[in-house]
Structure formats: C-alpha cells, structure tokens
C-alpha atoms as a PDB file:
ATOM      1  CA  MET A   1     119.845  85.929  71.858  1.00  0.00           C
ATOM      2  CA  ARG A   2     118.957  83.216  74.616  1.00  0.00           C
ATOM      3  CA  THR A   3     120.482  82.719  77.479  1.00  0.00           C
ATOM      4  CA  THR A   4     119.888  81.606  81.470  1.00  0.00           C
ATOM      5  CA  ILE A   5     119.926  83.645  84.178  1.00  0.00           C
ATOM      6  CA  GLU A   6     119.556  82.641  87.918  1.00  0.00           C
ATOM      7  CA  PHE A   7     118.032  85.138  90.130  1.00  0.00           C
ATOM      8  CA  ASN A   8     117.960  85.767  94.450  1.00  0.00           C
ATOM      9  CA  ASN A   9     114.678  85.471  95.069  1.00  0.00           C
ATOM     10  CA  TYR A  10     114.600  89.285  96.060  1.00  0.00           C
ATOM     11  CA  THR A  11     115.797  90.306  92.881  1.00  0.00           C
ATOM     12  CA  PHE A  12     113.337  87.969  91.330  1.00  0.00           C
ATOM     13  CA  LYS A  13     110.291  89.282  92.796  1.00  0.00           C
ATOM     14  CA  GLN A  14     111.614  92.911  91.811  1.00  0.00           C
ATOM     15  CA  VAL A  15     111.726  91.976  88.463  1.00  0.00           C
ATOM     16  CA  LYS A  16     108.154  90.333  88.245  1.00  0.00           C
ATOM     17  CA  GLU A  17     106.249  93.676  90.857  1.00  0.00           C
ATOM     18  CA  LEU A  18     108.143  96.143  87.868  1.00  0.00           C
ATOM     19  CA  GLN A  19     107.064  93.818  84.371  1.00  0.00           C
ATOM     20  CA  ALA A  20     103.488  93.490  85.921  1.00  0.00           C
ATOM     21  CA  ARG A  21     103.536  97.236  86.903  1.00  0.00           C
ATOM     22  CA  THR A  22     104.919  98.095  82.958  1.00  0.00           C
ATOM     23  CA  GLY A  23     103.306  95.456  81.143  1.00  0.00           C
ATOM     24  CA  ARG A  24     105.683  94.337  79.722  1.00  0.00           C
ATOM     25  CA  THR A  25     107.306  91.208  79.201  1.00  0.00           C
ATOM     26  CA  LEU A  26     110.342  89.428  81.385  1.00  0.00           C
ATOM     27  CA  SER A  27     112.227  90.062  78.920  1.00  0.00           C
ATOM     28  CA  LEU A  28     112.271  93.605  77.595  1.00  0.00           C
ATOM     29  CA  THR A  29     111.621  94.667  81.489  1.00  0.00           C
ATOM     30  CA  VAL A  30     115.120  92.827  82.359  1.00  0.00           C
ATOM     31  CA  ASN A  31     116.876  94.145  79.103  1.00  0.00           C
ATOM     32  CA  GLU A  32     115.501  98.120  79.885  1.00  0.00           C
ATOM     33  CA  LEU A  33     117.014  97.810  83.502  1.00  0.00           C
ATOM     34  CA  VAL A  34     120.214  95.978  82.412  1.00  0.00           C
ATOM     35  CA  GLU A  35     120.536  98.448  79.913  1.00  0.00           C
ATOM     36  CA  LYS A  36     120.000 101.363  81.960  1.00  0.00           C
ATOM     37  CA  ALA A  37     122.369 100.310  84.492  1.00  0.00           C
ATOM     38  CA  LEU A  38     125.454 100.198  81.995  1.00  0.00           C
ATOM     39  CA  ARG A  39     124.949 103.421  81.048  1.00  0.00           C
ATOM     40  CA  GLN A  40     125.139 105.184  83.656  1.00  0.00           C
ATOM     41  CA  PRO A  41     128.681 106.755  85.058  1.00  0.00           C
ATOM     42  CA  LYS A  42     131.244 104.790  86.333  1.00  0.00           C
ATOM     43  CA  ASN A  43     131.300 106.576  88.875  1.00  0.00           C
ATOM     44  CA  SER A  44     128.493 107.986  89.581  1.00  0.00           C
ATOM     45  CA  THR A  45     127.581 107.052  93.086  1.00  0.00           C
ATOM     46  CA  TYR A  46     130.792 109.063  94.099  1.00  0.00           C
ATOM     47  CA  VAL A  47     130.585 112.147  96.315  1.00  0.00           C
ATOM     48  CA  ASN A  48     133.940 113.488  97.559  1.00  0.00           C
ATOM     49  CA  PHE A  49     133.181 115.501 100.517  1.00  0.00           C
ATOM     50  CA  ARG A  50     135.109 116.913 103.763  1.00  0.00           C
ATOM     51  CA  VAL A  51     134.242 116.073 107.115  1.00  0.00           C
ATOM     52  CA  LYS A  52     134.892 119.773 109.729  1.00  0.00           C
ATOM     53  CA  ALA A  53     134.877 118.536 112.937  1.00  0.00           C
ATOM     54  CA  LYS A  54     133.559 120.983 115.579  1.00  0.00           C
ATOM     55  CA  ASN A  55     134.481 120.390 119.394  1.00  0.00           C
ATOM     56  CA  LEU A  56     130.881 120.686 120.917  1.00  0.00           C
ATOM     57  CA  GLY A  57     132.331 121.082 124.674  1.00  0.00           C
ATOM     58  CA  THR A  58     131.771 118.300 128.011  1.00  0.00           C
ATOM     59  CA  LEU A  59     128.514 118.850 129.534  1.00  0.00           C
ATOM     60  CA  PRO A  60     129.792 119.413 133.198  1.00  0.00           C
ATOM     61  CA  GLY A  61     128.681 116.613 135.708  1.00  0.00           C
ATOM     62  CA  VAL A  62     129.238 114.050 132.907  1.00  0.00           C
ATOM     63  CA  ASP A  63     131.915 110.997 133.526  1.00  0.00           C
ATOM     64  CA  TYR A  64     132.547 110.658 129.792  1.00  0.00           C
ATOM     65  CA  SER A  65     134.893 107.104 131.491  1.00  0.00           C
ATOM     66  CA  ASN A  66     131.660 105.540 132.846  1.00  0.00           C
ATOM     67  CA  THR A  67     129.499 104.045 128.999  1.00  0.00           C
ATOM     68  CA  HIS A  68     127.205 102.281 131.184  1.00  0.00           C
ATOM     69  CA  ALA A  69     125.808 106.223 132.674  1.00  0.00           C
ATOM     70  CA  LEU A  70     126.478 107.738 129.277  1.00  0.00           C
ATOM     71  CA  LEU A  71     124.110 104.785 128.028  1.00  0.00           C
ATOM     72  CA  GLU A  72     121.178 105.372 131.257  1.00  0.00           C
ATOM     73  CA  MET A  73     121.461 109.478 130.137  1.00  0.00           C
ATOM     74  CA  ALA A  74     121.171 109.188 126.801  1.00  0.00           C
ATOM     75  CA  GLU A  75     119.271 106.223 126.118  1.00  0.00           C
ATOM     76  CA  GLY A  76     116.787 106.449 129.378  1.00  0.00           C
ATOM     77  CA  GLU A  77     116.673 102.826 132.189  1.00  0.00           C
ATOM     78  CA  SER A  78     115.328 101.089 128.502  1.00  0.00           C
ATOM     79  CA  TYR A  79     118.223 100.659 127.169  1.00  0.00           C
ATOM     80  CA  LYS A  80     119.553  97.644 128.946  1.00  0.00           C
END
C-alpha cells in the first residue's frame, strides 16, 4: 500500500542512517521499524519502584536557609 508520511528532520536522518547501514530500501526500513514498535508490549517502559528516603542529617555550621552560600559551597565560586 502506498502512502505519504512526513518525518521531522531528526527522525528522517535516523531512518536514512539505518537504511544505509542495513542496505535495505527506505520502505522496508520504515516497515520494519513500525512493526517492531507495534510488537512491543503496551506498558513495557513503565517500571514500578519505591523510593525509601533516609535522613542523612545536616552538616554542622551550615546555614541551610542561605541558598547563595549553599550553592557556593557545593559548586564553588564558579557557579555564579
């Protein structure tokens, strides 16, 4: 079946590079990519996890209400 598809520049460049590496036609390359994407399980990219927060305490003598001083301490004077 013939159709027209508009790709953004980045996607088209990536598909053309894959086509060149594999030596296949543009149509075959796009078809294989679409088929591969459609075979993927629907929720395969989602992973459930829990974050367990730990109290790491504070550093003695540090004023945590002074953002400027905290950034300077963490990043050095070059953060400005």
